[in-house]
Amino acid sequence: MTKSSARRRFLHLAFGSILALSLVPAALHAQAAEGWRAAPPDELKSVIPARAPVISERIETEFRTASGITDGSGHFIAGVVMITAGYSAEGKYSHYFLVQAPIRVGTIDLTPGDYVFGWTRSQDALNVSFYQAATGKEVGQVDAVRNPTIARVESFRIWPPHGTGSEPHSVIQIGRFSFPYSLAK
């Protein structure tokens, strides 16, 4: 083998190794998101409480608005609209949000646990504030923007990480608005 062919072979192997290593994080993320799917109502009934525990109250939920995703191995990310009339949460919280696998919502890292969120309308978006359900402590805010790819207005929906066609990908929908989420790697 000549010196130039050995150098060329070395460069091909080195470049191939670098390329393969650079694809590993993307492949791991795709693999992590791959098993997640929309959770059907019968599975959601097993994790969505009829009355959400919020600080010292148990607030009734509206199950017909429940939405979530599951990895099929007992982990859910799900939520539901709460009926807050007459509770101290009225005007502050509107949704109960269950996280059983770490996720990132906008710029907020949510560890497994129970959360509540509420929103206020700004000029062109919803300003969504997340709180720990047990304490009411704020954990962060994210803006939900009008999403033109959403054809059907729903009070709440969590889209699975892999949509098809014109469906949104990895977003949580409130009405015509949505904000991104990503599964922890």
C-alpha atoms as a PDB file:
ATOM      1  CA  MET A   1       0.000   0.000   0.000  1.00  0.00           C
ATOM      2  CA  THR A   2       1.389   3.368  -0.970  1.00  0.00           C
ATOM      3  CA  LYS A   3       1.708   6.256   1.409  1.00  0.00           C
ATOM      4  CA  SER A   4      -1.011   8.274  -0.364  1.00  0.00           C
ATOM      5  CA  SER A   5      -3.499   5.366  -0.440  1.00  0.00           C
ATOM      6  CA  ALA A   6      -2.867   4.695   3.278  1.00  0.00           C
ATOM      7  CA  ARG A   7      -3.476   8.378   4.058  1.00  0.00           C
ATOM      8  CA  ARG A   8      -6.648   8.332   1.936  1.00  0.00           C
ATOM      9  CA  ARG A   9      -7.898   5.198   3.711  1.00  0.00           C
ATOM     10  CA  PHE A  10      -7.139   6.769   7.102  1.00  0.00           C
ATOM     11  CA  LEU A  11      -9.030   9.942   6.146  1.00  0.00           C
ATOM     12  CA  HIS A  12     -12.041   7.920   4.935  1.00  0.00           C
ATOM     13  CA  LEU A  13     -12.136   5.947   8.191  1.00  0.00           C
ATOM     14  CA  ALA A  14     -11.687   9.078  10.307  1.00  0.00           C
ATOM     15  CA  PHE A  15     -14.383  10.985   8.418  1.00  0.00           C
ATOM     16  CA  GLY A  16     -16.758   8.002   8.598  1.00  0.00           C
ATOM     17  CA  SER A  17     -16.201   7.698  12.354  1.00  0.00           C
ATOM     18  CA  ILE A  18     -16.789  11.412  12.931  1.00  0.00           C
ATOM     19  CA  LEU A  19     -19.958  11.305  10.816  1.00  0.00           C
ATOM     20  CA  ALA A  20     -21.267   8.245  12.677  1.00  0.00           C
ATOM     21  CA  LEU A  21     -20.560   9.821  16.073  1.00  0.00           C
ATOM     22  CA  SER A  22     -22.278  13.073  15.081  1.00  0.00           C
ATOM     23  CA  LEU A  23     -25.451  11.148  14.194  1.00  0.00           C
ATOM     24  CA  VAL A  24     -25.643   9.317  17.556  1.00  0.00           C
ATOM     25  CA  PRO A  25     -27.417  12.119  19.523  1.00  0.00           C
ATOM     26  CA  ALA A  26     -30.035  12.562  16.773  1.00  0.00           C
ATOM     27  CA  ALA A  27     -30.546   8.816  16.564  1.00  0.00           C
ATOM     28  CA  LEU A  28     -30.950   8.543  20.344  1.00  0.00           C
ATOM     29  CA  HIS A  29     -33.507  11.371  20.387  1.00  0.00           C
ATOM     30  CA  ALA A  30     -35.435   9.818  17.493  1.00  0.00           C
ATOM     31  CA  GLN A  31     -35.366   6.457  19.275  1.00  0.00           C
ATOM     32  CA  ALA A  32     -36.595   8.043  22.540  1.00  0.00           C
ATOM     33  CA  ALA A  33     -39.485   9.799  20.785  1.00  0.00           C
ATOM     34  CA  GLU A  34     -40.253   6.862  18.499  1.00  0.00           C
ATOM     35  CA  GLY A  35     -42.196   4.782  21.046  1.00  0.00           C
ATOM     36  CA  TRP A  36     -44.475   7.625  22.162  1.00  0.00           C
ATOM     37  CA  ARG A  37     -48.027   7.670  20.839  1.00  0.00           C
ATOM     38  CA  ALA A  38     -51.358   9.298  21.596  1.00  0.00           C
ATOM     39  CA  ALA A  39     -52.993   7.714  24.647  1.00  0.00           C
ATOM     40  CA  PRO A  40     -56.565   6.502  24.061  1.00  0.00           C
ATOM     41  CA  PRO A  41     -59.342   7.490  26.513  1.00  0.00           C
ATOM     42  CA  ASP A  42     -59.299   4.159  28.378  1.00  0.00           C
ATOM     43  CA  GLU A  43     -55.590   4.593  29.193  1.00  0.00           C
ATOM     44  CA  LEU A  44     -56.069   8.271  30.103  1.00  0.00           C
ATOM     45  CA  LYS A  45     -58.807   7.287  32.590  1.00  0.00           C
ATOM     46  CA  SER A  46     -56.189   5.329  34.526  1.00  0.00           C
ATOM     47  CA  VAL A  47     -54.004   8.435  35.095  1.00  0.00           C
ATOM     48  CA  ILE A  48     -56.274  11.501  34.914  1.00  0.00           C
ATOM     49  CA  PRO A  49     -57.934  12.113  38.292  1.00  0.00           C
ATOM     50  CA  ALA A  50     -61.628  12.992  38.514  1.00  0.00           C
ATOM     51  CA  ARG A  51     -60.519  15.650  41.030  1.00  0.00           C
ATOM     52  CA  ALA A  52     -57.049  17.125  40.581  1.00  0.00           C
ATOM     53  CA  PRO A  53     -55.025  17.728  43.747  1.00  0.00           C
ATOM     54  CA  VAL A  54     -54.146  21.449  43.685  1.00  0.00           C
ATOM     55  CA  ILE A  55     -52.506  22.801  46.853  1.00  0.00           C
ATOM     56  CA  SER A  56     -55.134  22.009  49.533  1.00  0.00           C
ATOM     57  CA  GLU A  57     -58.086  21.535  47.163  1.00  0.00           C
ATOM     58  CA  ARG A  58     -59.299  18.757  44.905  1.00  0.00           C
ATOM     59  CA  ILE A  59     -60.625  20.418  41.758  1.00  0.00           C
ATOM     60  CA  GLU A  60     -62.990  18.616  39.412  1.00  0.00           C
ATOM     61  CA  THR A  61     -61.636  17.828  35.940  1.00  0.00           C
ATOM     62  CA  GLU A  62     -63.497  17.741  32.652  1.00  0.00           C
ATOM     63  CA  PHE A  63     -62.446  14.332  31.286  1.00  0.00           C
ATOM     64  CA  ARG A  64     -63.804  14.955  27.771  1.00  0.00           C
ATOM     65  CA  THR A  65     -60.948  17.493  27.377  1.00  0.00           C
ATOM     66  CA  ALA A  66     -58.245  15.026  28.488  1.00  0.00           C
ATOM     67  CA  SER A  67     -55.328  14.427  26.154  1.00  0.00           C
ATOM     68  CA  GLY A  68     -51.994  12.727  26.517  1.00  0.00           C
ATOM     69  CA  ILE A  69     -49.215  10.614  25.134  1.00  0.00           C
ATOM     70  CA  THR A  70     -47.679   7.403  26.438  1.00  0.00           C
ATOM     71  CA  ASP A  71     -44.563   5.396  25.768  1.00  0.00           C
ATOM     72  CA  GLY A  72     -46.571   2.174  26.143  1.00  0.00           C
ATOM     73  CA  SER A  73     -44.468   1.232  29.189  1.00  0.00           C
ATOM     74  CA  GLY A  74     -46.524   2.967  31.847  1.00  0.00           C
ATOM     75  CA  HIS A  75     -45.249   6.530  31.386  1.00  0.00           C
ATOM     76  CA  PHE A  76     -47.683   9.285  30.477  1.00  0.00           C
ATOM     77  CA  ILE A  77     -47.594  12.980  29.752  1.00  0.00           C
ATOM     78  CA  ALA A  78     -51.218  14.051  30.015  1.00  0.00           C
ATOM     79  CA  GLY A  79     -53.465  16.909  30.908  1.00  0.00           C
ATOM     80  CA  VAL A  80     -57.046  17.994  31.319  1.00  0.00           C
ATOM     81  CA  VAL A  81     -59.085  21.170  31.790  1.00  0.00           C
ATOM     82  CA  MET A  82     -60.123  21.804  35.403  1.00  0.00           C
ATOM     83  CA  ILE A  83     -63.498  23.235  36.441  1.00  0.00           C
ATOM     84  CA  THR A  84     -62.193  25.974  38.747  1.00  0.00           C
ATOM     85  CA  ALA A  85     -65.402  27.951  39.387  1.00  0.00           C
ATOM     86  CA  GLY A  86     -65.737  28.452  43.136  1.00  0.00           C
ATOM     87  CA  TYR A  87     -62.163  27.379  43.932  1.00  0.00           C
ATOM     88  CA  SER A  88     -59.227  29.569  44.885  1.00  0.00           C
ATOM     89  CA  ALA A  89     -57.586  28.467  41.622  1.00  0.00           C
ATOM     90  CA  GLU A  90     -60.207  30.311  39.567  1.00  0.00           C
ATOM     91  CA  GLY A  91     -58.506  32.741  37.220  1.00  0.00           C
ATOM     92  CA  LYS A  92     -54.996  31.435  37.991  1.00  0.00           C
ATOM     93  CA  TYR A  93     -55.001  27.785  36.899  1.00  0.00           C
ATOM     94  CA  SER A  94     -57.034  26.241  34.105  1.00  0.00           C
ATOM     95  CA  HIS A  95     -55.346  22.894  33.401  1.00  0.00           C
ATOM     96  CA  TYR A  96     -53.967  19.944  35.350  1.00  0.00           C
ATOM     97  CA  PHE A  97     -50.786  18.508  33.785  1.00  0.00           C
ATOM     98  CA  LEU A  98     -49.284  15.118  34.687  1.00  0.00           C
ATOM     99  CA  VAL A  99     -45.655  14.399  33.760  1.00  0.00           C
ATOM    100  CA  GLN A 100     -44.302  10.853  34.279  1.00  0.00           C
ATOM    101  CA  ALA A 101     -41.191  11.251  32.114  1.00  0.00           C
ATOM    102  CA  PRO A 102     -38.944  14.330  32.009  1.00  0.00           C
ATOM    103  CA  ILE A 103     -39.838  16.842  29.310  1.00  0.00           C
ATOM    104  CA  ARG A 104     -38.916  20.340  28.256  1.00  0.00           C
ATOM    105  CA  VAL A 105     -41.814  22.712  27.625  1.00  0.00           C
ATOM    106  CA  GLY A 106     -40.555  25.755  25.755  1.00  0.00           C
ATOM    107  CA  THR A 107     -37.546  26.609  27.941  1.00  0.00           C
ATOM    108  CA  ILE A 108     -38.885  24.952  31.138  1.00  0.00           C
ATOM    109  CA  ASP A 109     -37.551  21.575  32.261  1.00  0.00           C
ATOM    110  CA  LEU A 110     -40.324  19.586  33.953  1.00  0.00           C
ATOM    111  CA  THR A 111     -39.375  16.567  36.038  1.00  0.00           C
ATOM    112  CA  PRO A 112     -41.923  13.824  36.741  1.00  0.00           C
ATOM    113  CA  GLY A 113     -44.728  15.184  38.892  1.00  0.00           C
ATOM    114  CA  ASP A 114     -48.065  16.979  38.953  1.00  0.00           C
ATOM    115  CA  TYR A 115     -48.380  20.504  37.596  1.00  0.00           C
ATOM    116  CA  VAL A 116     -51.112  23.021  36.885  1.00  0.00           C
ATOM    117  CA  PHE A 117     -51.031  25.845  34.420  1.00  0.00           C
ATOM    118  CA  GLY A 118     -53.045  28.869  33.481  1.00  0.00           C
ATOM    119  CA  TRP A 119     -52.771  31.461  30.764  1.00  0.00           C
ATOM    120  CA  THR A 120     -53.355  35.105  30.044  1.00  0.00           C
ATOM    121  CA  ARG A 121     -53.929  36.572  26.613  1.00  0.00           C
ATOM    122  CA  SER A 122     -51.385  38.997  25.183  1.00  0.00           C
ATOM    123  CA  GLN A 123     -51.548  40.769  21.824  1.00  0.00           C
ATOM    124  CA  ASP A 124     -50.711  37.751  19.616  1.00  0.00           C
ATOM    125  CA  ALA A 125     -50.148  34.889  22.048  1.00  0.00           C
ATOM    126  CA  LEU A 126     -51.124  33.196  25.277  1.00  0.00           C
ATOM    127  CA  ASN A 127     -48.683  33.620  28.152  1.00  0.00           C
ATOM    128  CA  VAL A 128     -48.809  30.200  29.849  1.00  0.00           C
ATOM    129  CA  SER A 129     -47.566  29.901  33.455  1.00  0.00           C
ATOM    130  CA  PHE A 130     -46.710  26.501  34.983  1.00  0.00           C
ATOM    131  CA  TYR A 131     -46.917  25.767  38.720  1.00  0.00           C
ATOM    132  CA  GLN A 132     -46.271  22.761  40.953  1.00  0.00           C
ATOM    133  CA  ALA A 133     -49.715  21.356  41.775  1.00  0.00           C
ATOM    134  CA  ALA A 134     -48.868  20.487  45.395  1.00  0.00           C
ATOM    135  CA  THR A 135     -47.435  23.879  46.376  1.00  0.00           C
ATOM    136  CA  GLY A 136     -48.593  26.413  43.783  1.00  0.00           C
ATOM    137  CA  LYS A 137     -44.964  27.471  43.282  1.00  0.00           C
ATOM    138  CA  GLU A 138     -44.366  28.870  39.796  1.00  0.00           C
ATOM    139  CA  VAL A 139     -41.867  26.888  37.710  1.00  0.00           C
ATOM    140  CA  GLY A 140     -41.842  29.001  34.555  1.00  0.00           C
ATOM    141  CA  GLN A 141     -43.646  30.552  31.626  1.00  0.00           C
ATOM    142  CA  VAL A 142     -43.903  29.891  27.920  1.00  0.00           C
ATOM    143  CA  ASP A 143     -45.696  31.704  25.102  1.00  0.00           C
ATOM    144  CA  ALA A 144     -48.248  29.787  23.073  1.00  0.00           C
ATOM    145  CA  VAL A 145     -48.512  31.280  19.595  1.00  0.00           C
ATOM    146  CA  ARG A 146     -51.241  30.959  16.983  1.00  0.00           C
ATOM    147  CA  ASN A 147     -50.472  27.795  15.024  1.00  0.00           C
ATOM    148  CA  PRO A 148     -51.654  27.909  11.374  1.00  0.00           C
ATOM    149  CA  THR A 149     -51.140  24.138  10.928  1.00  0.00           C
ATOM    150  CA  ILE A 150     -53.876  23.349  13.459  1.00  0.00           C
ATOM    151  CA  ALA A 151     -57.121  22.861  11.562  1.00  0.00           C
ATOM    152  CA  ARG A 152     -59.286  21.772  14.504  1.00  0.00           C
ATOM    153  CA  VAL A 153     -59.657  24.003  17.553  1.00  0.00           C
ATOM    154  CA  GLU A 154     -59.540  21.971  20.780  1.00  0.00           C
ATOM    155  CA  SER A 155     -59.552  23.128  24.382  1.00  0.00           C
ATOM    156  CA  PHE A 156     -56.454  20.991  25.071  1.00  0.00           C
ATOM    157  CA  ARG A 157     -54.365  18.500  23.122  1.00  0.00           C
ATOM    158  CA  ILE A 158     -50.897  17.021  23.385  1.00  0.00           C
ATOM    159  CA  TRP A 159     -49.648  16.014  19.945  1.00  0.00           C
ATOM    160  CA  PRO A 160     -47.363  12.945  19.839  1.00  0.00           C
ATOM    161  CA  PRO A 161     -43.721  13.595  18.891  1.00  0.00           C
ATOM    162  CA  HIS A 162     -44.224  12.210  15.382  1.00  0.00           C
ATOM    163  CA  GLY A 163     -47.096  13.687  13.413  1.00  0.00           C
ATOM    164  CA  THR A 164     -47.816  12.909   9.799  1.00  0.00           C
ATOM    165  CA  GLY A 165     -48.531  15.170   6.894  1.00  0.00           C
ATOM    166  CA  SER A 166     -49.782  18.576   7.965  1.00  0.00           C
ATOM    167  CA  GLU A 167     -50.151  17.638  11.672  1.00  0.00           C
ATOM    168  CA  PRO A 168     -48.074  19.637  14.146  1.00  0.00           C
ATOM    169  CA  HIS A 169     -45.107  17.917  15.783  1.00  0.00           C
ATOM    170  CA  SER A 170     -44.295  17.931  19.506  1.00  0.00           C
ATOM    171  CA  VAL A 171     -46.668  20.700  20.501  1.00  0.00           C
ATOM    172  CA  ILE A 172     -49.244  21.234  23.200  1.00  0.00           C
ATOM    173  CA  GLN A 173     -52.384  22.898  21.866  1.00  0.00           C
ATOM    174  CA  ILE A 174     -54.732  25.274  23.684  1.00  0.00           C
ATOM    175  CA  GLY A 175     -57.483  26.389  21.301  1.00  0.00           C
ATOM    176  CA  ARG A 176     -55.756  27.779  18.200  1.00  0.00           C
ATOM    177  CA  PHE A 177     -52.482  28.294  20.060  1.00  0.00           C
ATOM    178  CA  SER A 178     -49.591  25.928  20.737  1.00  0.00           C
ATOM    179  CA  PHE A 179     -46.186  25.749  22.373  1.00  0.00           C
ATOM    180  CA  PRO A 180     -43.407  23.229  21.787  1.00  0.00           C
ATOM    181  CA  TYR A 181     -42.270  20.417  24.033  1.00  0.00           C
ATOM    182  CA  SER A 182     -39.523  17.842  23.718  1.00  0.00           C
ATOM    183  CA  LEU A 183     -38.945  14.551  25.452  1.00  0.00           C
ATOM    184  CA  ALA A 184     -35.849  14.307  27.625  1.00  0.00           C
ATOM    185  CA  LYS A 185     -32.944  12.618  25.915  1.00  0.00           C
END
